[in-house]
């Protein structure tokens, strides 16, 4: 959702619009680069998730959407013209492993309450996949389905672009990507939900001289017995080069309402290996990657061993209408309808 927000800011600014962001937490350096107006609610006195809850309650009571021509909520509040939904909380809870302790169950009830209010009272609901639309109807059957519009999130093509030539050679040298083995990229925050455990087991089954997995994002904290053919790269600021340099991007998530990394990779020319639980599977054809019905470690390893390197045609964004300009116009049309 953070990447989506940045794409929206750039898209509205490119359209000549004035952009305001309301938040309770902000990276000042990032905000300075975005050239938008940031309204920050300072909640230093509150711990953890209580900051979020207080912020949501404040938005519900005080935010006046009539002050703006278009307003979007990227969190669980009905205060804006459009609620943008990147996932449904009860659906994510349903696939969560392990027993839930009392505090987690309390937070789940809080999240569900805010979410129910948002779906009931917000005039427009924009969802990032058909999967999310089905989940809303399943878990909140009293919600009017006519309010729901499916709009796949766009790609910021000014930030993500295919890397080639000497620049690509430099990326491969920087990340020690060898031509004599297939390299897979796993870009992730939330490793367990996105299937890292299964990937680690899968790569322990594969020949380390032929197959390698690169993990970009948060640390692999809590994961043991890391195979020799798995390397952690840390946070990578611009993934364009890395997407372009690897053979496949892999995302075997247990729950992934869309999966923006999938279309970012395809835009950069690299095919994907994903599970059917990934919302972006709705727009993936056989020429663009592999969608697995099962993502056990055995299924992943057997599939990876059969894959051949290939590149994706450069018209993916155009074919699927994933440009920011089009998305911005679709958002404005929702408010006008």
Protein backbone atom coordinates (compact mmCIF):
# COMPACT_ATOMS: atom_id res chain seq x y z
CA UNK A 1 0.00 0.00 0.00
CA UNK A 2 2.95 2.33 0.58
CA UNK A 3 4.08 1.86 -3.02
CA UNK A 4 0.54 2.42 -4.22
CA UNK A 5 0.31 5.66 -2.22
CA UNK A 6 3.51 6.97 -3.78
CA UNK A 7 2.22 6.10 -7.25
CA UNK A 8 -1.01 7.98 -6.52
CA UNK A 9 0.85 11.07 -5.35
CA UNK A 10 2.97 11.13 -8.50
CA UNK A 11 -0.06 10.45 -10.69
CA UNK A 12 -2.20 13.25 -9.26
CA UNK A 13 0.71 15.68 -9.44
CA UNK A 14 1.37 14.73 -13.07
CA UNK A 15 -2.29 15.53 -13.75
CA UNK A 16 -1.76 19.01 -12.30
CA UNK A 17 -3.63 18.33 -9.05
CA UNK A 18 -2.78 19.57 -5.56
CA UNK A 19 -2.10 16.67 -3.16
CA UNK A 20 -2.57 16.57 0.63
CA UNK A 21 -1.64 13.60 2.82
CA UNK A 22 -3.13 13.05 6.29
CA UNK A 23 -1.10 10.72 8.49
CA UNK A 24 0.22 10.11 12.01
CA UNK A 25 3.67 8.96 10.93
CA UNK A 26 5.96 10.30 8.23
CA UNK A 27 9.47 9.98 6.86
CA UNK A 28 10.51 13.63 6.63
CA UNK A 29 13.08 13.06 3.87
CA UNK A 30 10.51 11.22 1.79
CA UNK A 31 7.89 13.88 2.40
CA UNK A 32 10.31 16.61 1.28
CA UNK A 33 10.90 14.77 -2.00
CA UNK A 34 7.20 14.33 -2.72
CA UNK A 35 6.37 18.06 -2.79
CA UNK A 36 2.89 17.57 -1.32
CA UNK A 37 1.23 19.01 1.77
CA UNK A 38 1.50 16.68 4.77
CA UNK A 39 -0.93 17.02 7.69
CA UNK A 40 0.58 15.07 10.57
CA UNK A 41 -1.27 14.11 13.73
CA UNK A 42 1.33 13.82 16.48
CA UNK A 43 0.59 10.85 18.73
CA UNK A 44 3.89 10.33 20.54
CA UNK A 45 2.07 9.60 23.79
CA UNK A 46 0.37 6.46 22.49
CA UNK A 47 1.94 2.99 22.15
CA UNK A 48 1.96 0.78 19.04
CA UNK A 49 -1.37 0.12 17.37
CA UNK A 50 -3.19 2.56 19.62
CA UNK A 51 -1.76 5.35 17.47
CA UNK A 52 -3.54 3.86 14.49
CA UNK A 53 -6.82 3.43 16.38
CA UNK A 54 -6.75 7.00 17.69
CA UNK A 55 -5.96 8.28 14.19
CA UNK A 56 -8.88 6.32 12.71
CA UNK A 57 -11.30 7.58 15.36
CA UNK A 58 -10.13 11.14 14.74
CA UNK A 59 -10.64 10.76 10.97
CA UNK A 60 -14.11 9.33 11.53
CA UNK A 61 -15.12 12.36 13.59
CA UNK A 62 -13.18 15.26 12.10
CA UNK A 63 -12.15 14.64 8.49
CA UNK A 64 -14.35 16.62 6.10
CA UNK A 65 -14.23 15.13 2.61
CA UNK A 66 -16.22 18.04 1.18
CA UNK A 67 -13.04 20.13 1.56
CA UNK A 68 -11.47 18.09 -1.29
CA UNK A 69 -12.57 17.25 -4.82
CA UNK A 70 -11.31 13.68 -4.35
CA UNK A 71 -10.23 11.95 -1.15
CA UNK A 72 -9.02 8.39 -0.68
CA UNK A 73 -8.62 6.37 2.51
CA UNK A 74 -5.77 3.84 2.42
CA UNK A 75 -6.66 2.72 5.94
CA UNK A 76 -9.88 1.63 7.68
CA UNK A 77 -12.00 4.78 7.82
CA UNK A 78 -15.20 5.75 5.96
CA UNK A 79 -14.30 9.46 6.03
CA UNK A 80 -13.07 9.76 2.43
CA UNK A 81 -14.89 9.63 -0.90
CA UNK A 82 -13.23 6.31 -1.74
CA UNK A 83 -12.02 3.50 0.53
CA UNK A 84 -9.08 1.78 -1.15
CA UNK A 85 -8.93 -1.87 -0.12
CA UNK A 86 -5.75 -3.91 -0.40
CA UNK A 87 -7.04 -6.75 1.77
CA UNK A 88 -9.88 -7.87 4.04
CA UNK A 89 -8.93 -8.45 7.67
CA UNK A 90 -11.03 -11.56 8.44
CA UNK A 91 -9.65 -13.21 5.29
CA UNK A 92 -6.06 -12.62 6.43
CA UNK A 93 -6.89 -13.97 9.89
CA UNK A 94 -8.38 -17.12 8.35
CA UNK A 95 -5.02 -18.17 6.88
CA UNK A 96 -2.92 -17.17 9.88
CA UNK A 97 -1.07 -20.09 11.45
CA UNK A 98 -0.82 -20.88 15.15
CA UNK A 99 -3.09 -20.11 18.07
CA UNK A 100 -4.05 -16.49 18.62
CA UNK A 101 -3.38 -15.07 22.06
CA UNK A 102 -5.85 -12.82 23.85
CA UNK A 103 -4.23 -9.51 22.82
CA UNK A 104 -4.16 -10.51 19.15
CA UNK A 105 -7.83 -11.46 19.27
CA UNK A 106 -8.59 -8.07 20.80
CA UNK A 107 -6.75 -6.28 17.99
CA UNK A 108 -8.58 -8.42 15.42
CA UNK A 109 -11.92 -7.29 16.86
CA UNK A 110 -10.78 -3.66 16.69
CA UNK A 111 -9.66 -4.01 13.06
CA UNK A 112 -12.87 -5.80 12.09
CA UNK A 113 -14.96 -3.07 13.72
CA UNK A 114 -13.21 -0.27 11.86
CA UNK A 115 -13.40 -2.26 8.62
CA UNK A 116 -17.14 -2.96 8.96
CA UNK A 117 -17.82 0.75 9.58
CA UNK A 118 -15.74 1.70 6.55
CA UNK A 119 -17.56 -0.68 4.21
CA UNK A 120 -20.96 0.39 5.51
CA UNK A 121 -20.50 4.17 5.41
CA UNK A 122 -17.98 4.99 2.68
CA UNK A 123 -19.76 5.90 -0.59
CA UNK A 124 -17.23 4.11 -2.85
CA UNK A 125 -15.08 1.02 -2.34
CA UNK A 126 -12.12 0.53 -4.70
CA UNK A 127 -10.59 -2.96 -4.51
CA UNK A 128 -7.33 -4.13 -6.05
CA UNK A 129 -8.59 -7.51 -7.28
CA UNK A 130 -11.72 -9.56 -7.87
CA UNK A 131 -10.56 -11.75 -5.02
CA UNK A 132 -10.93 -8.85 -2.58
CA UNK A 133 -14.42 -8.06 -3.90
CA UNK A 134 -15.46 -11.67 -3.24
CA UNK A 135 -13.99 -11.54 0.27
CA UNK A 136 -15.89 -8.36 1.15
CA UNK A 137 -19.16 -9.96 0.07
CA UNK A 138 -18.30 -13.16 1.96
CA UNK A 139 -17.34 -11.58 5.29
CA UNK A 140 -19.64 -8.54 5.13
CA UNK A 141 -22.77 -9.78 3.30
CA UNK A 142 -24.82 -6.75 4.34
CA UNK A 143 -22.61 -4.40 2.28
CA UNK A 144 -24.07 -3.07 -0.97
CA UNK A 145 -22.00 -4.74 -3.73
CA UNK A 146 -22.83 -1.92 -6.15
CA UNK A 147 -20.39 0.30 -4.22
CA UNK A 148 -17.49 -2.01 -5.07
CA UNK A 149 -15.28 -1.28 -8.10
CA UNK A 150 -12.35 -3.49 -9.11
CA UNK A 151 -9.35 -1.43 -10.25
CA UNK A 152 -5.95 -3.11 -10.42
CA UNK A 153 -3.20 -0.94 -8.92
CA UNK A 154 -0.99 0.85 -11.47
CA UNK A 155 2.75 0.76 -11.97
CA UNK A 156 4.80 3.91 -11.56
CA UNK A 157 6.71 3.68 -14.84
CA UNK A 158 8.78 6.74 -13.93
CA UNK A 159 10.22 4.73 -11.03
CA UNK A 160 10.12 1.15 -12.34
CA UNK A 161 11.71 0.55 -15.72
CA UNK A 162 13.49 -2.23 -17.55
CA UNK A 163 17.28 -2.13 -17.13
CA UNK A 164 19.53 -3.33 -19.93
CA UNK A 165 23.02 -3.03 -21.42
CA UNK A 166 25.90 -1.88 -19.26
CA UNK A 167 23.53 -0.91 -16.44
CA UNK A 168 22.22 -4.49 -16.27
CA UNK A 169 25.77 -5.86 -16.25
CA UNK A 170 26.52 -3.55 -13.33
CA UNK A 171 23.48 -4.77 -11.38
CA UNK A 172 24.50 -8.40 -11.89
CA UNK A 173 28.00 -7.63 -10.69
CA UNK A 174 26.69 -5.69 -7.66
CA UNK A 175 24.46 -8.56 -6.52
CA UNK A 176 26.80 -11.35 -7.70
CA UNK A 177 24.24 -12.85 -10.07
CA UNK A 178 25.88 -15.57 -12.17
CA UNK A 179 24.93 -16.55 -15.70
CA UNK A 180 25.41 -20.29 -15.09
CA UNK A 181 22.56 -20.65 -12.58
CA UNK A 182 18.93 -19.57 -12.38
CA UNK A 183 18.30 -16.77 -9.91
CA UNK A 184 14.98 -16.11 -8.20
CA UNK A 185 13.95 -12.95 -6.35
CA UNK A 186 11.67 -12.92 -3.31
CA UNK A 187 10.82 -9.27 -2.44
CA UNK A 188 8.92 -9.24 0.82
CA UNK A 189 7.72 -7.61 3.98
CA UNK A 190 5.85 -10.20 6.03
CA UNK A 191 7.87 -13.28 5.16
CA UNK A 192 5.68 -15.91 6.80
CA UNK A 193 2.48 -14.74 5.09
CA UNK A 194 4.32 -14.56 1.76
CA UNK A 195 5.61 -18.13 1.96
CA UNK A 196 9.31 -17.82 2.81
CA UNK A 197 9.26 -20.99 4.94
CA UNK A 198 8.15 -23.06 1.95
CA UNK A 199 10.70 -21.34 -0.30
CA UNK A 200 13.58 -22.09 2.05
CA UNK A 201 12.59 -25.75 2.18
CA UNK A 202 12.20 -25.80 -1.61
CA UNK A 203 15.68 -24.40 -2.24
CA UNK A 204 17.19 -26.87 0.21
CA UNK A 205 15.99 -29.53 -2.26
CA UNK A 206 17.60 -27.80 -5.27
CA UNK A 207 21.19 -27.96 -6.52
CA UNK A 208 22.95 -24.82 -5.17
CA UNK A 209 25.15 -24.72 -8.26
CA UNK A 210 22.10 -24.36 -10.50
CA UNK A 211 19.53 -22.42 -8.43
CA UNK A 212 19.75 -19.43 -6.11
CA UNK A 213 17.17 -17.39 -4.16
CA UNK A 214 17.69 -13.70 -3.34
CA UNK A 215 15.59 -12.27 -0.49
CA UNK A 216 15.03 -8.50 -0.52
CA UNK A 217 13.19 -6.65 2.24
CA UNK A 218 12.95 -7.35 5.95
CA UNK A 219 15.45 -9.58 7.72
CA UNK A 220 14.90 -13.32 7.87
CA UNK A 221 14.47 -13.15 11.63
CA UNK A 222 13.21 -16.37 13.17
CA UNK A 223 14.04 -18.55 10.16
CA UNK A 224 16.57 -21.30 10.79
CA UNK A 225 18.60 -23.64 8.61
CA UNK A 226 18.95 -21.16 5.75
CA UNK A 227 20.15 -23.12 2.68
CA UNK A 228 23.48 -22.21 1.13
CA UNK A 229 21.77 -21.10 -2.09
CA UNK A 230 19.67 -18.42 -0.32
CA UNK A 231 21.10 -14.90 0.16
CA UNK A 232 19.62 -11.96 2.03
CA UNK A 233 20.19 -8.61 0.29
CA UNK A 234 18.57 -6.24 2.81
CA UNK A 235 16.29 -3.43 1.68
CA UNK A 236 16.82 -2.45 -1.96
CA UNK A 237 15.77 1.14 -2.68
CA UNK A 238 15.00 0.68 -6.37
CA UNK A 239 14.15 -2.86 -7.39
CA UNK A 240 14.08 -2.16 -11.15
CA UNK A 241 17.60 -3.37 -11.73
CA UNK A 242 17.17 -6.42 -9.55
CA UNK A 243 13.87 -7.36 -11.19
CA UNK A 244 15.59 -7.04 -14.58
CA UNK A 245 18.65 -9.06 -13.55
CA UNK A 246 17.01 -12.19 -12.12
CA UNK A 247 15.34 -15.02 -14.02
CA UNK A 248 12.07 -15.11 -12.04
CA UNK A 249 10.33 -13.27 -9.24
CA UNK A 250 8.68 -15.75 -6.86
CA UNK A 251 5.75 -15.06 -4.50
CA UNK A 252 4.07 -18.17 -3.02
CA UNK A 253 1.95 -16.19 -0.54
CA UNK A 254 -0.63 -17.78 1.74
CA UNK A 255 -2.67 -14.57 1.49
CA UNK A 256 -1.90 -11.84 -1.04
CA UNK A 257 -4.88 -9.68 -2.08
CA UNK A 258 -2.94 -8.38 -5.09
CA UNK A 259 0.88 -8.46 -4.99
CA UNK A 260 2.28 -5.35 -6.65
CA UNK A 261 5.71 -6.98 -6.87
CA UNK A 262 4.27 -9.32 -9.51
CA UNK A 263 3.40 -6.59 -12.00
CA UNK A 264 6.54 -4.59 -11.15
CA UNK A 265 8.60 -7.62 -12.13
CA UNK A 266 6.66 -8.19 -15.35
CA UNK A 267 7.01 -4.54 -16.31
CA UNK A 268 10.77 -4.92 -15.87
CA UNK A 269 10.75 -7.91 -18.22
CA UNK A 270 10.98 -10.79 -15.75
CA UNK A 271 8.41 -13.62 -15.45
CA UNK A 272 6.86 -14.69 -12.16
CA UNK A 273 6.21 -17.86 -10.18
CA UNK A 274 3.26 -17.32 -7.84
CA UNK A 275 0.53 -19.15 -5.97
CA UNK A 276 -3.15 -18.95 -6.85
CA UNK A 277 -3.73 -17.08 -3.57
CA UNK A 278 -2.04 -14.02 -5.12
CA UNK A 279 -4.65 -11.59 -6.47
CA UNK A 280 -2.44 -10.58 -9.40
CA UNK A 281 -2.88 -14.12 -10.74
CA UNK A 282 -6.12 -12.80 -12.26
CA UNK A 283 -4.16 -11.00 -14.97
CA UNK A 284 -1.26 -13.44 -15.47
CA UNK A 285 -1.18 -15.51 -18.65
CA UNK A 286 0.97 -18.53 -19.46
CA UNK A 287 3.39 -16.32 -21.37
CA UNK A 288 4.02 -14.21 -18.25
CA UNK A 289 4.65 -16.85 -15.63
CA UNK A 290 3.40 -19.83 -13.67
CA UNK A 291 0.48 -19.85 -11.22
CA UNK A 292 0.59 -22.82 -8.83
CA UNK A 293 -2.49 -24.42 -7.27
CA UNK A 294 -0.28 -25.73 -4.46
CA UNK A 295 2.81 -24.02 -3.04
CA UNK A 296 4.26 -26.72 -0.81
CA UNK A 297 8.05 -26.93 -0.73
CA UNK A 298 7.93 -30.04 -2.93
CA UNK A 299 5.64 -28.39 -5.52
CA UNK A 300 7.83 -25.29 -5.60
CA UNK A 301 11.06 -27.27 -6.00
CA UNK A 302 9.64 -29.50 -8.75
CA UNK A 303 8.26 -26.49 -10.66
CA UNK A 304 11.48 -24.48 -10.35
CA UNK A 305 13.49 -27.42 -11.66
CA UNK A 306 11.37 -27.41 -14.85
CA UNK A 307 11.51 -23.68 -15.54
CA UNK A 308 13.45 -22.14 -18.40
CA UNK A 309 14.68 -18.51 -18.53
CA UNK A 310 12.63 -16.12 -20.65
CA UNK A 311 11.78 -12.44 -20.93
CA UNK A 312 8.41 -10.69 -20.97
CA UNK A 313 7.25 -8.43 -23.80
CA UNK A 314 7.48 -4.71 -22.93
CA UNK A 315 3.75 -3.97 -23.41
CA UNK A 316 2.42 -5.54 -20.18
CA UNK A 317 1.32 -2.23 -18.60
CA UNK A 318 -0.46 -1.12 -21.79
CA UNK A 319 -2.25 -4.44 -22.34
CA UNK A 320 -3.69 -4.48 -18.84
CA UNK A 321 -4.39 -0.77 -18.47
CA UNK A 322 -2.01 -0.37 -15.53
CA UNK A 323 -0.75 3.13 -16.26
CA UNK A 324 -1.01 5.72 -13.50
CA UNK A 325 -2.71 8.24 -15.80
CA UNK A 326 -5.55 5.83 -16.54
CA UNK A 327 -5.89 4.87 -12.87
CA UNK A 328 -6.14 8.51 -11.80
CA UNK A 329 -8.91 9.11 -14.32
CA UNK A 330 -10.77 6.02 -13.12
CA UNK A 331 -10.56 7.27 -9.52
CA UNK A 332 -11.97 10.67 -10.48
CA UNK A 333 -14.77 8.97 -12.41
CA UNK A 334 -15.76 7.02 -9.30
CA UNK A 335 -16.30 10.25 -7.36
CA UNK A 336 -18.26 11.83 -10.21
CA UNK A 337 -20.66 8.91 -10.73
